[in-house]
Amino acid sequence: MMMKKTLIAAGLLAFGVMAAAPASAGQLVTPTQHQAFSLPDLDETFELFFDGFDSSLGKLMSVHWTFEGTATLNNAVFNIGTAPATIGDPNPLSAIWNITFSSPVGLSDSELLVTPGFSGLVPAGGPTQVGTTGLVGISGMAWIDNSDPVTLADYIGAAASVLMTVSGEGTQGGSVPQTVFSGNNGTAEGIVSLYYDYDPATVPEPLSLALFGLGLAGLAASRRRKQA
């Protein structure tokens, strides 16, 4: 599953927890794991390690994860000329930041932050900030419902065996004269949460195992009496 959203400066300060899909009837979910992430700048990568599913609990049926947090993106220019310069003509200047969350089996979601386009004069020197998203909320989710053990093999395993990557890529777009250099910066932080949905029916309970063993013992004794 791949989703992408765009966040622009206005009206995005509020955000909420996105609830993942519930388990199917007759299935159970594991306790939710939580890991914090932080991107101190635009072109950064942050790795998170989650515990794999314990196959002794039953059969893994699906994987669910969500993320939520906050981010900010700033757009700035530096004018090396001796006089004010016009930027954003004919194309307004914007900073762009794509933050992608990804894990095995192609599960991925992303947020795209874009500063408002700027057109106008900037003074000599700098840096001069020409746009910001402010502090905005970011959130998203991904899940896979597939009981095929081959498909979900990367999520079955020991402690800290499931890798999730948070990565950022910053770019800019717009018109600037030769005397103006553009740059951008930003930060992001938040929490990633993950849980597993599983079917416990595939693992016999201790009492069932005991009864099954007694049944086998009785069958063996019956056969011995017949042979005697």
C-alpha atoms as a PDB file:
ATOM      1  CA  MET A   1       0.000   0.000   0.000  1.00  0.00           C
ATOM      2  CA  MET A   2       1.375   3.379  -1.012  1.00  0.00           C
ATOM      3  CA  MET A   3      -0.219   6.682  -0.079  1.00  0.00           C
ATOM      4  CA  LYS A   4       0.969  10.247  -0.280  1.00  0.00           C
ATOM      5  CA  LYS A   5      -0.460  13.448   1.142  1.00  0.00           C
ATOM      6  CA  THR A   6       0.513  17.077   0.728  1.00  0.00           C
ATOM      7  CA  LEU A   7       0.730  19.517   3.630  1.00  0.00           C
ATOM      8  CA  ILE A   8       0.760  23.269   2.963  1.00  0.00           C
ATOM      9  CA  ALA A   9       1.155  25.966   5.605  1.00  0.00           C
ATOM     10  CA  ALA A  10      -2.424  27.000   6.363  1.00  0.00           C
ATOM     11  CA  GLY A  11      -4.836  25.074   8.580  1.00  0.00           C
ATOM     12  CA  LEU A  12      -2.731  22.045   9.417  1.00  0.00           C
ATOM     13  CA  LEU A  13      -1.787  22.466  13.051  1.00  0.00           C
ATOM     14  CA  ALA A  14      -4.366  19.978  14.281  1.00  0.00           C
ATOM     15  CA  PHE A  15      -3.939  16.271  13.739  1.00  0.00           C
ATOM     16  CA  GLY A  16      -5.158  13.070  15.359  1.00  0.00           C
ATOM     17  CA  VAL A  17      -4.238   9.439  15.832  1.00  0.00           C
ATOM     18  CA  MET A  18      -5.256   7.353  12.843  1.00  0.00           C
ATOM     19  CA  ALA A  19      -6.807   4.073  13.987  1.00  0.00           C
ATOM     20  CA  ALA A  20      -5.666   0.934  12.209  1.00  0.00           C
ATOM     21  CA  ALA A  21      -8.142  -1.644  10.943  1.00  0.00           C
ATOM     22  CA  PRO A  22      -9.418  -3.988  13.714  1.00  0.00           C
ATOM     23  CA  ALA A  23      -8.680  -7.703  13.813  1.00  0.00           C
ATOM     24  CA  SER A  24     -11.070 -10.061  12.070  1.00  0.00           C
ATOM     25  CA  ALA A  25     -13.570 -12.083  14.086  1.00  0.00           C
ATOM     26  CA  GLY A  26     -11.930 -14.930  15.974  1.00  0.00           C
ATOM     27  CA  GLN A  27      -8.465 -13.404  15.663  1.00  0.00           C
ATOM     28  CA  LEU A  28      -6.313 -11.673  18.262  1.00  0.00           C
ATOM     29  CA  VAL A  29      -3.866  -8.762  18.162  1.00  0.00           C
ATOM     30  CA  THR A  30      -0.512  -8.427  19.848  1.00  0.00           C
ATOM     31  CA  PRO A  31       0.331  -5.530  22.181  1.00  0.00           C
ATOM     32  CA  THR A  32       1.206  -2.430  20.157  1.00  0.00           C
ATOM     33  CA  GLN A  33       4.873  -1.533  19.900  1.00  0.00           C
ATOM     34  CA  HIS A  34       5.877   2.147  19.843  1.00  0.00           C
ATOM     35  CA  GLN A  35       9.132   3.651  18.555  1.00  0.00           C
ATOM     36  CA  ALA A  36      10.131   7.328  18.325  1.00  0.00           C
ATOM     37  CA  PHE A  37      11.685   8.839  15.193  1.00  0.00           C
ATOM     38  CA  SER A  38      13.501  12.116  14.555  1.00  0.00           C
ATOM     39  CA  LEU A  39      14.738  13.789  11.361  1.00  0.00           C
ATOM     40  CA  PRO A  40      16.996  16.733  12.286  1.00  0.00           C
ATOM     41  CA  ASP A  41      17.222  17.923   8.666  1.00  0.00           C
ATOM     42  CA  LEU A  42      15.761  17.277   5.226  1.00  0.00           C
ATOM     43  CA  ASP A  43      17.939  14.609   3.622  1.00  0.00           C
ATOM     44  CA  GLU A  44      18.160  12.275   6.593  1.00  0.00           C
ATOM     45  CA  THR A  45      17.348   8.609   7.264  1.00  0.00           C
ATOM     46  CA  PHE A  46      16.179   7.171  10.585  1.00  0.00           C
ATOM     47  CA  GLU A  47      15.904   3.427  11.262  1.00  0.00           C
ATOM     48  CA  LEU A  48      13.426   1.850  13.660  1.00  0.00           C
ATOM     49  CA  PHE A  49      13.581  -1.782  14.822  1.00  0.00           C
ATOM     50  CA  PHE A  50      10.466  -3.610  16.003  1.00  0.00           C
ATOM     51  CA  ASP A  51      10.104  -7.096  17.462  1.00  0.00           C
ATOM     52  CA  GLY A  52       9.018  -9.743  14.993  1.00  0.00           C
ATOM     53  CA  PHE A  53       5.862 -11.798  15.488  1.00  0.00           C
ATOM     54  CA  ASP A  54       6.195 -14.749  17.874  1.00  0.00           C
ATOM     55  CA  SER A  55       4.937 -17.690  15.790  1.00  0.00           C
ATOM     56  CA  SER A  56       4.278 -19.740  18.937  1.00  0.00           C
ATOM     57  CA  LEU A  57       1.183 -17.533  19.447  1.00  0.00           C
ATOM     58  CA  GLY A  58      -0.462 -18.805  16.275  1.00  0.00           C
ATOM     59  CA  LYS A  59      -0.561 -17.929  12.586  1.00  0.00           C
ATOM     60  CA  LEU A  60       0.298 -14.372  11.557  1.00  0.00           C
ATOM     61  CA  MET A  61      -2.592 -12.980   9.513  1.00  0.00           C
ATOM     62  CA  SER A  62      -1.807  -9.298   9.054  1.00  0.00           C
ATOM     63  CA  VAL A  63       0.558  -6.446   9.953  1.00  0.00           C
ATOM     64  CA  HIS A  64      -0.550  -2.913  10.843  1.00  0.00           C
ATOM     65  CA  TRP A  65       1.473   0.237  11.506  1.00  0.00           C
ATOM     66  CA  THR A  66       0.741   3.918  11.894  1.00  0.00           C
ATOM     67  CA  PHE A  67       2.797   7.054  12.368  1.00  0.00           C
ATOM     68  CA  GLU A  68       2.028  10.453  13.805  1.00  0.00           C
ATOM     69  CA  GLY A  69       4.130  13.470  14.636  1.00  0.00           C
ATOM     70  CA  THR A  70       4.995  17.016  13.664  1.00  0.00           C
ATOM     71  CA  ALA A  71       7.246  18.605  11.051  1.00  0.00           C
ATOM     72  CA  THR A  72       8.298  22.022   9.842  1.00  0.00           C
ATOM     73  CA  LEU A  73       9.821  23.185   6.548  1.00  0.00           C
ATOM     74  CA  ASN A  74      11.505  26.540   5.854  1.00  0.00           C
ATOM     75  CA  ASN A  75      12.441  28.140   2.545  1.00  0.00           C
ATOM     76  CA  ALA A  76      15.255  30.723   2.366  1.00  0.00           C
ATOM     77  CA  VAL A  77      17.439  32.545  -0.181  1.00  0.00           C
ATOM     78  CA  PHE A  78      20.802  34.318  -0.123  1.00  0.00           C
ATOM     79  CA  ASN A  79      21.331  37.251  -2.465  1.00  0.00           C
ATOM     80  CA  ILE A  80      25.031  37.674  -3.285  1.00  0.00           C
ATOM     81  CA  GLY A  81      24.342  40.794  -5.336  1.00  0.00           C
ATOM     82  CA  THR A  82      24.663  44.371  -4.092  1.00  0.00           C
ATOM     83  CA  ALA A  83      21.038  45.323  -4.777  1.00  0.00           C
ATOM     84  CA  PRO A  84      17.636  43.768  -4.077  1.00  0.00           C
ATOM     85  CA  ALA A  85      16.713  40.981  -6.490  1.00  0.00           C
ATOM     86  CA  THR A  86      13.382  39.709  -7.783  1.00  0.00           C
ATOM     87  CA  ILE A  87      12.686  35.995  -7.261  1.00  0.00           C
ATOM     88  CA  GLY A  88       9.735  33.818  -8.201  1.00  0.00           C
ATOM     89  CA  ASP A  89       9.252  35.311 -11.678  1.00  0.00           C
ATOM     90  CA  PRO A  90       7.672  33.675 -13.608  1.00  0.00           C
ATOM     91  CA  ASN A  91       7.461  30.655 -11.236  1.00  0.00           C
ATOM     92  CA  PRO A  92       6.957  31.256  -7.490  1.00  0.00           C
ATOM     93  CA  LEU A  93       9.691  29.728  -5.318  1.00  0.00           C
ATOM     94  CA  SER A  94       8.704  26.868  -2.975  1.00  0.00           C
ATOM     95  CA  ALA A  95      10.533  24.380  -0.791  1.00  0.00           C
ATOM     96  CA  ILE A  96       9.407  20.739  -0.972  1.00  0.00           C
ATOM     97  CA  TRP A  97      10.021  17.906   1.517  1.00  0.00           C
ATOM     98  CA  ASN A  98       8.934  14.319   0.965  1.00  0.00           C
ATOM     99  CA  ILE A  99       9.026  12.173   4.137  1.00  0.00           C
ATOM    100  CA  THR A 100       8.589   8.443   3.481  1.00  0.00           C
ATOM    101  CA  PHE A 101       7.876   5.659   5.979  1.00  0.00           C
ATOM    102  CA  SER A 102       8.582   2.162   4.674  1.00  0.00           C
ATOM    103  CA  SER A 103       8.822  -1.420   5.947  1.00  0.00           C
ATOM    104  CA  PRO A 104       9.029  -4.944   4.425  1.00  0.00           C
ATOM    105  CA  VAL A 105       6.534  -6.280   1.847  1.00  0.00           C
ATOM    106  CA  GLY A 106       6.394  -2.860   0.208  1.00  0.00           C
ATOM    107  CA  LEU A 107       4.377  -1.234   2.987  1.00  0.00           C
ATOM    108  CA  SER A 108       4.872   2.497   2.568  1.00  0.00           C
ATOM    109  CA  ASP A 109       3.236   5.843   3.259  1.00  0.00           C
ATOM    110  CA  SER A 110       4.522   9.391   2.958  1.00  0.00           C
ATOM    111  CA  GLU A 111       3.867  13.046   3.696  1.00  0.00           C
ATOM    112  CA  LEU A 112       4.743  15.837   1.261  1.00  0.00           C
ATOM    113  CA  LEU A 113       5.330  19.267   2.792  1.00  0.00           C
ATOM    114  CA  VAL A 114       5.337  22.320   0.504  1.00  0.00           C
ATOM    115  CA  THR A 115       5.906  25.949   1.513  1.00  0.00           C
ATOM    116  CA  PRO A 116       3.676  28.619  -0.068  1.00  0.00           C
ATOM    117  CA  GLY A 117       5.107  29.927  -3.339  1.00  0.00           C
ATOM    118  CA  PHE A 118       6.975  33.231  -2.997  1.00  0.00           C
ATOM    119  CA  SER A 119       7.358  35.987  -5.599  1.00  0.00           C
ATOM    120  CA  GLY A 120       8.928  39.379  -4.868  1.00  0.00           C
ATOM    121  CA  LEU A 121      12.030  41.334  -3.922  1.00  0.00           C
ATOM    122  CA  VAL A 122      14.655  40.073  -1.486  1.00  0.00           C
ATOM    123  CA  PRO A 123      17.419  42.312  -0.064  1.00  0.00           C
ATOM    124  CA  ALA A 124      21.117  41.848  -0.699  1.00  0.00           C
ATOM    125  CA  GLY A 125      22.774  39.400   1.666  1.00  0.00           C
ATOM    126  CA  GLY A 126      20.866  36.954   3.754  1.00  0.00           C
ATOM    127  CA  PRO A 127      19.750  34.363   4.362  1.00  0.00           C
ATOM    128  CA  THR A 128      16.235  35.702   3.921  1.00  0.00           C
ATOM    129  CA  GLN A 129      13.330  33.393   4.798  1.00  0.00           C
ATOM    130  CA  VAL A 130      10.699  33.475   2.065  1.00  0.00           C
ATOM    131  CA  GLY A 131       8.326  30.747   3.190  1.00  0.00           C
ATOM    132  CA  THR A 132       7.507  28.219   5.909  1.00  0.00           C
ATOM    133  CA  THR A 133       4.928  25.564   6.635  1.00  0.00           C
ATOM    134  CA  GLY A 134       5.106  26.314  10.337  1.00  0.00           C
ATOM    135  CA  LEU A 135       4.725  23.373  12.703  1.00  0.00           C
ATOM    136  CA  VAL A 136       2.277  20.943  11.078  1.00  0.00           C
ATOM    137  CA  GLY A 137       0.962  17.516  11.984  1.00  0.00           C
ATOM    138  CA  ILE A 138       1.917  14.463   9.960  1.00  0.00           C
ATOM    139  CA  SER A 139       0.215  11.076  10.150  1.00  0.00           C
ATOM    140  CA  GLY A 140      -0.399   7.967   8.084  1.00  0.00           C
ATOM    141  CA  MET A 141      -0.751   4.200   8.107  1.00  0.00           C
ATOM    142  CA  ALA A 142      -0.134   1.025   6.154  1.00  0.00           C
ATOM    143  CA  TRP A 143      -1.241  -2.562   6.580  1.00  0.00           C
ATOM    144  CA  ILE A 144      -1.266  -5.912   4.811  1.00  0.00           C
ATOM    145  CA  ASP A 145      -3.851  -8.674   5.264  1.00  0.00           C
ATOM    146  CA  ASN A 146      -2.251 -11.850   3.969  1.00  0.00           C
ATOM    147  CA  SER A 147      -1.897 -15.109   5.876  1.00  0.00           C
ATOM    148  CA  ASP A 148       0.687 -16.477   3.416  1.00  0.00           C
ATOM    149  CA  PRO A 149       3.737 -17.207   5.619  1.00  0.00           C
ATOM    150  CA  VAL A 150       6.081 -16.533   2.694  1.00  0.00           C
ATOM    151  CA  THR A 151       4.659 -13.056   2.162  1.00  0.00           C
ATOM    152  CA  LEU A 152       4.846 -12.187   5.864  1.00  0.00           C
ATOM    153  CA  ALA A 153       8.139 -13.960   6.584  1.00  0.00           C
ATOM    154  CA  ASP A 154      10.005 -10.677   7.176  1.00  0.00           C
ATOM    155  CA  TYR A 155       7.677  -9.927  10.103  1.00  0.00           C
ATOM    156  CA  ILE A 156       8.158 -13.280  11.864  1.00  0.00           C
ATOM    157  CA  GLY A 157      11.205 -13.497  14.059  1.00  0.00           C
ATOM    158  CA  ALA A 158      13.128 -12.410  17.105  1.00  0.00           C
ATOM    159  CA  ALA A 159      13.445  -9.162  19.018  1.00  0.00           C
ATOM    160  CA  ALA A 160      14.351  -6.072  16.961  1.00  0.00           C
ATOM    161  CA  SER A 161      14.160  -8.066  13.722  1.00  0.00           C
ATOM    162  CA  VAL A 162      11.703  -5.888  11.767  1.00  0.00           C
ATOM    163  CA  LEU A 163      13.229  -2.776  10.194  1.00  0.00           C
ATOM    164  CA  MET A 164      11.247   0.345   9.345  1.00  0.00           C
ATOM    165  CA  THR A 165      12.946   3.278   7.633  1.00  0.00           C
ATOM    166  CA  VAL A 166      11.979   6.952   7.820  1.00  0.00           C
ATOM    167  CA  SER A 167      13.679   8.984   5.109  1.00  0.00           C
ATOM    168  CA  GLY A 168      13.439  12.547   3.855  1.00  0.00           C
ATOM    169  CA  GLU A 169      14.212  14.201   0.526  1.00  0.00           C
ATOM    170  CA  GLY A 170      14.217  17.979   0.180  1.00  0.00           C
ATOM    171  CA  THR A 171      13.990  19.914  -3.091  1.00  0.00           C
ATOM    172  CA  GLN A 172      12.999  23.381  -4.323  1.00  0.00           C
ATOM    173  CA  GLY A 173      11.162  24.698  -7.313  1.00  0.00           C
ATOM    174  CA  GLY A 174      10.774  28.163  -8.792  1.00  0.00           C
ATOM    175  CA  SER A 175      12.579  30.979 -10.578  1.00  0.00           C
ATOM    176  CA  VAL A 176      15.642  32.718  -9.126  1.00  0.00           C
ATOM    177  CA  PRO A 177      18.220  34.997 -10.816  1.00  0.00           C
ATOM    178  CA  GLN A 178      21.898  34.049 -10.996  1.00  0.00           C
ATOM    179  CA  THR A 179      22.784  36.256  -8.038  1.00  0.00           C
ATOM    180  CA  VAL A 180      20.429  34.385  -5.681  1.00  0.00           C
ATOM    181  CA  PHE A 181      21.046  31.010  -4.071  1.00  0.00           C
ATOM    182  CA  SER A 182      18.147  29.133  -2.511  1.00  0.00           C
ATOM    183  CA  GLY A 183      18.170  26.727   0.401  1.00  0.00           C
ATOM    184  CA  ASN A 184      15.774  25.013   2.761  1.00  0.00           C
ATOM    185  CA  ASN A 185      15.736  23.253   6.113  1.00  0.00           C
ATOM    186  CA  GLY A 186      13.287  21.372   8.268  1.00  0.00           C
ATOM    187  CA  THR A 187      12.800  18.938  11.124  1.00  0.00           C
ATOM    188  CA  ALA A 188      10.353  16.139  11.923  1.00  0.00           C
ATOM    189  CA  GLU A 189       9.701  13.892  14.911  1.00  0.00           C
ATOM    190  CA  GLY A 190       6.998  11.566  16.165  1.00  0.00           C
ATOM    191  CA  ILE A 191       5.983   7.997  16.963  1.00  0.00           C
ATOM    192  CA  VAL A 192       5.555   4.878  14.834  1.00  0.00           C
ATOM    193  CA  SER A 193       3.260   2.146  16.236  1.00  0.00           C
ATOM    194  CA  LEU A 194       3.033  -1.460  15.040  1.00  0.00           C
ATOM    195  CA  TYR A 195       0.950  -4.517  15.955  1.00  0.00           C
ATOM    196  CA  TYR A 196       0.209  -7.960  14.535  1.00  0.00           C
ATOM    197  CA  ASP A 197      -3.128  -9.674  13.927  1.00  0.00           C
ATOM    198  CA  TYR A 198      -2.985 -13.473  14.355  1.00  0.00           C
ATOM    199  CA  ASP A 199      -5.107 -16.611  14.460  1.00  0.00           C
ATOM    200  CA  PRO A 200      -4.508 -18.588  17.674  1.00  0.00           C
ATOM    201  CA  ALA A 201      -6.531 -21.609  16.471  1.00  0.00           C
ATOM    202  CA  THR A 202      -3.490 -23.028  14.689  1.00  0.00           C
ATOM    203  CA  VAL A 203      -1.641 -23.549  18.009  1.00  0.00           C
ATOM    204  CA  PRO A 204      -3.160 -26.339  20.201  1.00  0.00           C
ATOM    205  CA  GLU A 205      -3.848 -25.309  23.782  1.00  0.00           C
ATOM    206  CA  PRO A 206      -2.002 -27.224  26.574  1.00  0.00           C
ATOM    207  CA  LEU A 207      -5.201 -29.031  27.652  1.00  0.00           C
ATOM    208  CA  SER A 208      -5.924 -30.091  24.086  1.00  0.00           C
ATOM    209  CA  LEU A 209      -2.388 -31.422  23.757  1.00  0.00           C
ATOM    210  CA  ALA A 210      -2.784 -33.396  26.993  1.00  0.00           C
ATOM    211  CA  LEU A 211      -6.083 -34.932  25.902  1.00  0.00           C
ATOM    212  CA  PHE A 212      -4.595 -35.777  22.524  1.00  0.00           C
ATOM    213  CA  GLY A 213      -1.684 -37.528  24.264  1.00  0.00           C
ATOM    214  CA  LEU A 214      -4.037 -39.521  26.504  1.00  0.00           C
ATOM    215  CA  GLY A 215      -6.025 -40.569  23.453  1.00  0.00           C
ATOM    216  CA  LEU A 216      -2.907 -41.870  21.736  1.00  0.00           C
ATOM    217  CA  ALA A 217      -1.905 -43.747  24.891  1.00  0.00           C
ATOM    218  CA  GLY A 218      -5.342 -45.361  25.141  1.00  0.00           C
ATOM    219  CA  LEU A 219      -5.261 -46.381  21.506  1.00  0.00           C
ATOM    220  CA  ALA A 220      -1.868 -48.003  21.966  1.00  0.00           C
ATOM    221  CA  ALA A 221      -3.047 -49.909  25.060  1.00  0.00           C
ATOM    222  CA  SER A 222      -6.111 -51.161  23.197  1.00  0.00           C
ATOM    223  CA  ARG A 223      -3.976 -52.473  20.384  1.00  0.00           C
ATOM    224  CA  ARG A 224      -1.703 -54.299  22.867  1.00  0.00           C
ATOM    225  CA  ARG A 225      -4.715 -56.006  24.492  1.00  0.00           C
ATOM    226  CA  LYS A 226      -6.014 -57.169  21.109  1.00  0.00           C
ATOM    227  CA  GLN A 227      -2.626 -58.573  20.172  1.00  0.00           C
ATOM    228  CA  ALA A 228      -2.419 -60.427  23.526  1.00  0.00           C
END
